[in-house]
Amino acid sequence: MQGFLCNLLNPKATLFFLAIFTQMLDAESSMIDKLIIAFIIWIEAFFWWPFVVFVFQNQTIQWRYFKIQSIFDKLFGNILITLGVIVA
């Protein structure tokens, strides 16, 4: 329930779905097209997030991730700063 509410109230999730729908569908899209996109998103949520939870429940994987987390934080922080400067 906490994960559901977090995703529901997360503005990034809303922007993600808005981006998917506006890029994949237009005003002339059929109901079948809309249902296919909704089904793909449902499949992604049904399989991907439980997989992530299952993987990160493993203590060995958690330990390895936390060991290299600062590297990822710095790498992606620099990437996002660079993208922000480019956009600005």
C-alpha atoms as a PDB file:
ATOM      1  CA  MET A   1       0.000   0.000   0.000  1.00  0.00           C
ATOM      2  CA  GLN A   2       2.864   2.370   0.813  1.00  0.00           C
ATOM      3  CA  GLY A   3       4.459   1.735  -2.603  1.00  0.00           C
ATOM      4  CA  PHE A   4       1.128   2.281  -4.358  1.00  0.00           C
ATOM      5  CA  LEU A   5       0.551   5.596  -2.589  1.00  0.00           C
ATOM      6  CA  CYS A   6       4.139   6.670  -3.210  1.00  0.00           C
ATOM      7  CA  ASN A   7       3.754   6.025  -6.943  1.00  0.00           C
ATOM      8  CA  LEU A   8       0.287   7.562  -7.067  1.00  0.00           C
ATOM      9  CA  LEU A   9       1.385  10.785  -5.358  1.00  0.00           C
ATOM     10  CA  ASN A  10       4.770  11.007  -7.090  1.00  0.00           C
ATOM     11  CA  PRO A  11       4.823  13.788  -9.716  1.00  0.00           C
ATOM     12  CA  LYS A  12       7.581  11.960 -11.625  1.00  0.00           C
ATOM     13  CA  ALA A  13       5.274   8.988 -12.149  1.00  0.00           C
ATOM     14  CA  THR A  14       2.548  11.277 -13.450  1.00  0.00           C
ATOM     15  CA  LEU A  15       4.981  12.930 -15.860  1.00  0.00           C
ATOM     16  CA  PHE A  16       6.240   9.510 -16.976  1.00  0.00           C
ATOM     17  CA  PHE A  17       2.761   8.294 -17.864  1.00  0.00           C
ATOM     18  CA  LEU A  18       1.890  11.625 -19.462  1.00  0.00           C
ATOM     19  CA  ALA A  19       5.009  11.377 -21.629  1.00  0.00           C
ATOM     20  CA  ILE A  20       4.205   7.797 -22.630  1.00  0.00           C
ATOM     21  CA  PHE A  21       0.618   8.585 -23.545  1.00  0.00           C
ATOM     22  CA  THR A  22       1.413  11.779 -25.468  1.00  0.00           C
ATOM     23  CA  GLN A  23       4.223  10.151 -27.433  1.00  0.00           C
ATOM     24  CA  MET A  24       2.446   6.890 -28.237  1.00  0.00           C
ATOM     25  CA  LEU A  25      -1.152   8.012 -28.671  1.00  0.00           C
ATOM     26  CA  ASP A  26      -2.915  10.844 -30.438  1.00  0.00           C
ATOM     27  CA  ALA A  27      -6.506  12.019 -30.765  1.00  0.00           C
ATOM     28  CA  GLU A  28      -7.182   9.527 -33.556  1.00  0.00           C
ATOM     29  CA  SER A  29      -5.883   6.500 -31.614  1.00  0.00           C
ATOM     30  CA  SER A  30      -8.361   3.674 -31.341  1.00  0.00           C
ATOM     31  CA  MET A  31      -9.550   2.166 -28.086  1.00  0.00           C
ATOM     32  CA  ILE A  32      -7.485  -0.934 -28.919  1.00  0.00           C
ATOM     33  CA  ASP A  33      -4.330   1.208 -29.138  1.00  0.00           C
ATOM     34  CA  LYS A  34      -5.111   2.773 -25.768  1.00  0.00           C
ATOM     35  CA  LEU A  35      -5.778  -0.615 -24.205  1.00  0.00           C
ATOM     36  CA  ILE A  36      -2.509  -2.013 -25.587  1.00  0.00           C
ATOM     37  CA  ILE A  37      -0.525   0.856 -24.055  1.00  0.00           C
ATOM     38  CA  ALA A  38      -2.376   0.452 -20.746  1.00  0.00           C
ATOM     39  CA  PHE A  39      -1.700  -3.309 -20.838  1.00  0.00           C
ATOM     40  CA  ILE A  40       2.016  -2.750 -21.476  1.00  0.00           C
ATOM     41  CA  ILE A  41       2.204  -0.362 -18.514  1.00  0.00           C
ATOM     42  CA  TRP A  42       0.288  -2.850 -16.361  1.00  0.00           C
ATOM     43  CA  ILE A  43       2.641  -5.686 -17.345  1.00  0.00           C
ATOM     44  CA  GLU A  44       5.629  -3.482 -16.569  1.00  0.00           C
ATOM     45  CA  ALA A  45       4.237  -2.637 -13.134  1.00  0.00           C
ATOM     46  CA  PHE A  46       3.163  -6.219 -12.427  1.00  0.00           C
ATOM     47  CA  PHE A  47       6.505  -7.817 -13.313  1.00  0.00           C
ATOM     48  CA  TRP A  48       9.250  -5.176 -13.091  1.00  0.00           C
ATOM     49  CA  TRP A  49       8.619  -3.726  -9.624  1.00  0.00           C
ATOM     50  CA  PRO A  50       8.183  -7.094  -7.880  1.00  0.00           C
ATOM     51  CA  PHE A  51      11.421  -8.184  -9.597  1.00  0.00           C
ATOM     52  CA  VAL A  52      13.232  -5.100  -8.232  1.00  0.00           C
ATOM     53  CA  VAL A  53      11.894  -5.785  -4.735  1.00  0.00           C
ATOM     54  CA  PHE A  54      12.874  -9.460  -4.976  1.00  0.00           C
ATOM     55  CA  VAL A  55      16.416  -8.613  -6.107  1.00  0.00           C
ATOM     56  CA  PHE A  56      17.008  -5.928  -3.486  1.00  0.00           C
ATOM     57  CA  GLN A  57      15.741  -8.109  -0.655  1.00  0.00           C
ATOM     58  CA  ASN A  58      18.899 -10.172  -1.046  1.00  0.00           C
ATOM     59  CA  GLN A  59      21.424  -9.053   1.600  1.00  0.00           C
ATOM     60  CA  THR A  60      24.421  -9.711  -0.666  1.00  0.00           C
ATOM     61  CA  ILE A  61      23.005  -7.539  -3.435  1.00  0.00           C
ATOM     62  CA  GLN A  62      22.124  -4.793  -0.934  1.00  0.00           C
ATOM     63  CA  TRP A  63      25.662  -4.847   0.459  1.00  0.00           C
ATOM     64  CA  ARG A  64      27.220  -4.673  -3.022  1.00  0.00           C
ATOM     65  CA  TYR A  65      24.882  -1.902  -4.092  1.00  0.00           C
ATOM     66  CA  PHE A  66      25.544   0.204  -0.994  1.00  0.00           C
ATOM     67  CA  LYS A  67      29.266  -0.314  -1.538  1.00  0.00           C
ATOM     68  CA  ILE A  68      29.136   1.346  -5.003  1.00  0.00           C
ATOM     69  CA  GLN A  69      26.169   3.660  -4.413  1.00  0.00           C
ATOM     70  CA  SER A  70      28.316   6.778  -3.986  1.00  0.00           C
ATOM     71  CA  ILE A  71      29.900   6.151  -7.407  1.00  0.00           C
ATOM     72  CA  PHE A  72      26.467   5.931  -9.037  1.00  0.00           C
ATOM     73  CA  ASP A  73      25.271   9.019  -7.158  1.00  0.00           C
ATOM     74  CA  LYS A  74      28.230  11.083  -8.382  1.00  0.00           C
ATOM     75  CA  LEU A  75      28.029   9.727 -11.944  1.00  0.00           C
ATOM     76  CA  PHE A  76      24.313  10.335 -12.403  1.00  0.00           C
ATOM     77  CA  GLY A  77      24.491  13.625 -10.511  1.00  0.00           C
ATOM     78  CA  ASN A  78      27.066  14.874 -12.993  1.00  0.00           C
ATOM     79  CA  ILE A  79      25.010  13.601 -15.921  1.00  0.00           C
ATOM     80  CA  LEU A  80      21.899  15.397 -14.655  1.00  0.00           C
ATOM     81  CA  ILE A  81      23.823  18.622 -13.988  1.00  0.00           C
ATOM     82  CA  THR A  82      25.277  18.468 -17.505  1.00  0.00           C
ATOM     83  CA  LEU A  83      21.836  17.892 -19.022  1.00  0.00           C
ATOM     84  CA  GLY A  84      20.445  20.767 -16.948  1.00  0.00           C
ATOM     85  CA  VAL A  85      23.176  23.106 -18.172  1.00  0.00           C
ATOM     86  CA  ILE A  86      22.576  22.045 -21.773  1.00  0.00           C
ATOM     87  CA  VAL A  87      18.830  22.624 -21.442  1.00  0.00           C
ATOM     88  CA  ALA A  88      19.338  25.977 -19.713  1.00  0.00           C
END
